[in-house]
Protein backbone atom coordinates (compact mmCIF):
# COMPACT_ATOMS: atom_id res chain seq x y z
CA UNK A 1 0.00 0.00 0.00
CA UNK A 2 1.39 3.37 -1.00
CA UNK A 3 2.01 6.15 1.50
CA UNK A 4 -0.80 8.18 -0.08
CA UNK A 5 -3.33 5.43 0.66
CA UNK A 6 -1.98 4.86 4.16
CA UNK A 7 -2.54 8.51 5.06
CA UNK A 8 -6.17 8.34 3.99
CA UNK A 9 -6.61 5.00 5.75
CA UNK A 10 -5.55 6.61 9.02
CA UNK A 11 -7.75 9.66 8.39
CA UNK A 12 -10.85 7.56 7.75
CA UNK A 13 -10.23 5.36 10.79
CA UNK A 14 -9.80 8.46 12.97
CA UNK A 15 -13.07 9.93 11.60
CA UNK A 16 -14.91 6.70 12.42
CA UNK A 17 -13.43 6.56 15.92
CA UNK A 18 -14.29 10.19 16.71
CA UNK A 19 -17.85 9.79 15.50
CA UNK A 20 -18.35 6.54 17.40
CA UNK A 21 -17.17 8.35 20.53
CA UNK A 22 -19.52 11.28 19.87
CA UNK A 23 -22.63 9.13 19.49
CA UNK A 24 -25.14 9.29 22.31
CA UNK A 25 -25.67 5.61 23.03
CA UNK A 26 -28.59 6.27 25.39
CA UNK A 27 -30.85 7.58 22.62
CA UNK A 28 -31.99 5.99 19.39
CA UNK A 29 -29.29 5.56 16.76
CA UNK A 30 -31.34 7.39 14.12
CA UNK A 31 -32.45 10.24 16.38
CA UNK A 32 -31.91 13.78 15.18
CA UNK A 33 -28.90 14.31 17.46
CA UNK A 34 -27.13 11.15 16.32
CA UNK A 35 -28.00 11.31 12.64
CA UNK A 36 -25.12 13.63 11.70
CA UNK A 37 -22.64 11.23 13.31
CA UNK A 38 -24.22 8.22 11.61
CA UNK A 39 -23.96 9.92 8.21
CA UNK A 40 -20.34 10.81 8.91
CA UNK A 41 -19.53 7.22 9.89
CA UNK A 42 -21.28 5.93 6.76
CA UNK A 43 -19.32 8.28 4.52
CA UNK A 44 -16.04 7.29 6.20
CA UNK A 45 -16.87 3.61 5.62
CA UNK A 46 -17.61 4.36 1.96
CA UNK A 47 -14.27 6.17 1.82
CA UNK A 48 -12.53 3.10 3.21
CA UNK A 49 -14.17 0.88 0.61
CA UNK A 50 -13.19 3.29 -2.15
CA UNK A 51 -9.66 3.43 -0.77
CA UNK A 52 -9.25 -0.34 -0.99
CA UNK A 53 -10.75 -0.41 -4.49
CA UNK A 54 -8.33 2.28 -5.70
CA UNK A 55 -5.40 0.50 -4.06
CA UNK A 56 -6.36 -2.75 -5.75
CA UNK A 57 -6.70 -1.01 -9.12
CA UNK A 58 -3.29 0.59 -8.73
CA UNK A 59 -1.73 -2.79 -7.99
CA UNK A 60 -3.37 -4.36 -11.03
CA UNK A 61 -2.21 -1.49 -13.25
CA UNK A 62 1.37 -1.71 -11.92
CA UNK A 63 1.74 -5.39 -12.79
CA UNK A 64 1.04 -4.93 -16.50
């Protein structure tokens, strides 16, 4: 994994960790107060998936 991808991997994991910490676990997960954190976690997870897809594509392109 290139350094560029590793930096974004750390950034996305930190975003997920901060938002999991900020969630109010006593209320409903989809309540109005928690919804902004849930959307942020979902976008960070999508970023992680995209990161691994791009890393895989770069490895495939480098072999040819």
